[in-house]
Amino acid sequence: MIPRGSNAPRDGYAYSWPSLPKGTYTITATSYWDVHWSALGYSGTVTVDTFAARELPVGELQAVIVG
């Protein structure tokens, strides 16, 4: 299995403020794959697209050293 596209990026996101203590953010992920297979003289390609979403709390902790 190889990811679709020659340069499948690893993306991230920095939240501007935490969702805690009152809420959550919807976190989503999507993956696209082209599965190339062969067996017993047969071969083919299967396209697999997967998606998931989940509600997660996003917190924040910062430390400040003084002195």
N, C-alpha and C. Protein backbone atom coordinates (compact mmCIF):
# COMPACT_ATOMS: atom_id res chain seq x y z
N MET A 1 0.85 -1.17 0.00
CA MET A 1 0.00 0.00 0.00
C MET A 1 0.90 1.24 0.00
N ILE A 2 0.54 2.18 -0.82
CA ILE A 2 1.27 3.44 -0.86
C ILE A 2 0.27 4.59 -0.79
N PRO A 3 0.61 5.67 -0.07
CA PRO A 3 -0.32 6.78 0.00
C PRO A 3 -0.49 7.43 -1.37
N ARG A 4 -1.70 7.86 -1.67
CA ARG A 4 -1.98 8.52 -2.94
C ARG A 4 -1.25 9.86 -2.97
N GLY A 5 -0.65 10.17 -4.08
CA GLY A 5 0.10 11.41 -4.22
C GLY A 5 1.56 11.16 -3.89
N SER A 6 2.45 11.81 -4.59
CA SER A 6 3.87 11.53 -4.42
C SER A 6 4.42 12.07 -3.11
N ASN A 7 3.86 13.15 -2.62
CA ASN A 7 4.35 13.76 -1.38
C ASN A 7 3.21 13.89 -0.39
N ALA A 8 2.83 12.79 0.24
CA ALA A 8 1.74 12.84 1.21
C ALA A 8 2.20 13.64 2.43
N PRO A 9 1.61 14.82 2.68
CA PRO A 9 2.09 15.68 3.76
C PRO A 9 1.61 15.20 5.13
N ARG A 10 2.37 15.55 6.15
CA ARG A 10 1.94 15.38 7.53
C ARG A 10 1.56 16.78 8.02
N ASP A 11 0.26 16.99 8.16
CA ASP A 11 -0.21 18.31 8.56
C ASP A 11 -0.47 18.36 10.05
N GLY A 12 -0.43 19.55 10.58
CA GLY A 12 -0.74 19.77 11.99
C GLY A 12 -1.52 21.05 12.14
N TYR A 13 -1.95 21.30 13.37
CA TYR A 13 -2.71 22.53 13.62
C TYR A 13 -2.40 22.99 15.03
N ALA A 14 -2.16 24.28 15.20
CA ALA A 14 -1.96 24.87 16.52
C ALA A 14 -3.22 25.64 16.88
N TYR A 15 -3.84 25.26 17.97
CA TYR A 15 -5.07 25.94 18.41
C TYR A 15 -4.72 27.27 19.06
N SER A 16 -5.51 28.30 18.78
CA SER A 16 -5.26 29.63 19.31
C SER A 16 -5.59 29.74 20.79
N TRP A 17 -6.51 28.89 21.25
CA TRP A 17 -6.89 28.89 22.66
C TRP A 17 -7.41 27.50 23.03
N PRO A 18 -7.30 27.13 24.29
CA PRO A 18 -7.75 25.81 24.68
C PRO A 18 -9.27 25.71 24.71
N SER A 19 -9.80 24.52 24.58
CA SER A 19 -11.24 24.31 24.66
C SER A 19 -11.67 24.07 26.11
N LEU A 20 -10.73 23.71 26.95
CA LEU A 20 -11.05 23.44 28.35
C LEU A 20 -11.25 24.74 29.12
N PRO A 21 -12.07 24.82 30.14
CA PRO A 21 -12.73 23.69 30.79
C PRO A 21 -14.15 23.44 30.27
N LYS A 22 -14.59 24.16 29.24
CA LYS A 22 -16.00 24.10 28.85
C LYS A 22 -16.32 23.34 27.58
N GLY A 23 -15.36 22.88 26.83
CA GLY A 23 -15.74 22.29 25.55
C GLY A 23 -14.70 21.40 24.91
N THR A 24 -14.93 21.10 23.65
CA THR A 24 -14.05 20.24 22.86
C THR A 24 -13.90 20.81 21.46
N TYR A 25 -12.93 20.31 20.74
CA TYR A 25 -12.78 20.60 19.31
C TYR A 25 -13.07 19.33 18.54
N THR A 26 -13.57 19.46 17.33
CA THR A 26 -13.74 18.32 16.45
C THR A 26 -12.43 18.11 15.71
N ILE A 27 -11.80 16.96 15.94
CA ILE A 27 -10.54 16.60 15.29
C ILE A 27 -10.88 15.63 14.16
N THR A 28 -10.39 15.89 12.95
CA THR A 28 -10.69 15.01 11.82
C THR A 28 -9.40 14.54 11.15
N ALA A 29 -9.48 13.37 10.56
CA ALA A 29 -8.36 12.82 9.80
C ALA A 29 -8.91 12.11 8.58
N THR A 30 -8.26 12.30 7.44
CA THR A 30 -8.64 11.63 6.20
C THR A 30 -7.39 11.00 5.59
N SER A 31 -7.53 9.77 5.12
CA SER A 31 -6.41 9.06 4.51
C SER A 31 -6.86 8.50 3.16
N TYR A 32 -6.03 8.67 2.14
CA TYR A 32 -6.33 8.19 0.79
C TYR A 32 -5.23 7.21 0.38
N TRP A 33 -5.65 6.00 -0.03
CA TRP A 33 -4.68 4.98 -0.42
C TRP A 33 -5.08 4.36 -1.75
N ASP A 34 -4.08 4.02 -2.56
CA ASP A 34 -4.25 3.19 -3.74
C ASP A 34 -3.55 1.87 -3.42
N VAL A 35 -4.30 0.79 -3.33
CA VAL A 35 -3.75 -0.52 -3.00
C VAL A 35 -3.58 -1.31 -4.29
N HIS A 36 -2.33 -1.61 -4.64
CA HIS A 36 -2.02 -2.40 -5.82
C HIS A 36 -1.78 -3.84 -5.37
N TRP A 37 -2.45 -4.80 -6.00
CA TRP A 37 -2.35 -6.19 -5.58
C TRP A 37 -2.17 -7.11 -6.79
N SER A 38 -1.64 -8.29 -6.53
CA SER A 38 -1.56 -9.34 -7.55
C SER A 38 -1.53 -10.69 -6.86
N ALA A 39 -2.23 -11.67 -7.46
CA ALA A 39 -2.27 -13.04 -6.92
C ALA A 39 -2.77 -13.98 -7.99
N LEU A 40 -2.13 -15.10 -8.14
CA LEU A 40 -2.56 -16.17 -9.05
C LEU A 40 -2.81 -15.67 -10.48
N GLY A 41 -1.98 -14.76 -10.96
CA GLY A 41 -2.11 -14.25 -12.31
C GLY A 41 -3.09 -13.10 -12.47
N TYR A 42 -3.73 -12.71 -11.42
CA TYR A 42 -4.65 -11.56 -11.46
C TYR A 42 -4.00 -10.38 -10.73
N SER A 43 -4.43 -9.18 -11.08
CA SER A 43 -3.92 -8.00 -10.40
C SER A 43 -4.95 -6.88 -10.52
N GLY A 44 -4.76 -5.88 -9.72
CA GLY A 44 -5.68 -4.76 -9.77
C GLY A 44 -5.29 -3.68 -8.78
N THR A 45 -6.10 -2.67 -8.75
CA THR A 45 -5.91 -1.55 -7.83
C THR A 45 -7.23 -1.28 -7.13
N VAL A 46 -7.16 -1.11 -5.85
CA VAL A 46 -8.33 -0.77 -5.05
C VAL A 46 -8.06 0.58 -4.39
N THR A 47 -8.97 1.51 -4.54
CA THR A 47 -8.85 2.81 -3.90
C THR A 47 -9.56 2.76 -2.55
N VAL A 48 -8.83 3.15 -1.51
CA VAL A 48 -9.38 3.13 -0.15
C VAL A 48 -9.28 4.54 0.42
N ASP A 49 -10.42 5.11 0.74
CA ASP A 49 -10.48 6.42 1.39
C ASP A 49 -11.10 6.24 2.76
N THR A 50 -10.40 6.68 3.80
CA THR A 50 -10.93 6.55 5.15
C THR A 50 -11.01 7.91 5.80
N PHE A 51 -12.00 8.08 6.66
CA PHE A 51 -12.25 9.34 7.33
C PHE A 51 -12.67 9.05 8.76
N ALA A 52 -12.18 9.83 9.69
CA ALA A 52 -12.59 9.68 11.09
C ALA A 52 -12.69 11.06 11.71
N ALA A 53 -13.62 11.23 12.63
CA ALA A 53 -13.78 12.47 13.38
C ALA A 53 -14.04 12.12 14.83
N ARG A 54 -13.55 12.97 15.71
CA ARG A 54 -13.73 12.73 17.14
C ARG A 54 -13.71 14.05 17.88
N GLU A 55 -14.52 14.13 18.91
CA GLU A 55 -14.52 15.31 19.78
C GLU A 55 -13.47 15.11 20.87
N LEU A 56 -12.53 16.04 20.97
CA LEU A 56 -11.48 15.94 21.98
C LEU A 56 -11.30 17.27 22.70
N PRO A 57 -11.05 17.21 24.00
CA PRO A 57 -10.71 18.44 24.71
C PRO A 57 -9.27 18.83 24.38
N VAL A 58 -9.03 20.10 24.20
CA VAL A 58 -7.68 20.60 23.93
C VAL A 58 -7.32 21.52 25.08
N GLY A 59 -6.30 21.14 25.84
CA GLY A 59 -5.85 21.93 26.97
C GLY A 59 -4.51 22.57 26.70
N GLU A 60 -4.06 23.35 27.63
CA GLU A 60 -2.80 24.05 27.45
C GLU A 60 -2.13 24.23 28.81
N LEU A 61 -0.83 24.08 28.86
CA LEU A 61 -0.07 24.32 30.07
C LEU A 61 1.19 25.06 29.65
N GLN A 62 1.42 26.18 30.27
CA GLN A 62 2.63 26.96 29.98
C GLN A 62 3.40 27.16 31.26
N ALA A 63 4.70 27.13 31.17
CA ALA A 63 5.55 27.37 32.32
C ALA A 63 6.38 28.62 32.06
N VAL A 64 6.53 29.43 33.08
CA VAL A 64 7.35 30.65 33.00
C VAL A 64 8.39 30.58 34.09
N ILE A 65 9.67 30.66 33.74
CA ILE A 65 10.74 30.66 34.72
C ILE A 65 11.10 32.11 35.03
N VAL A 66 11.04 32.46 36.29
CA VAL A 66 11.33 33.83 36.74
C VAL A 66 12.55 33.78 37.65
N GLY A 67 13.48 34.70 37.40
CA GLY A 67 14.61 34.81 38.33
C GLY A 67 15.85 34.40 37.75
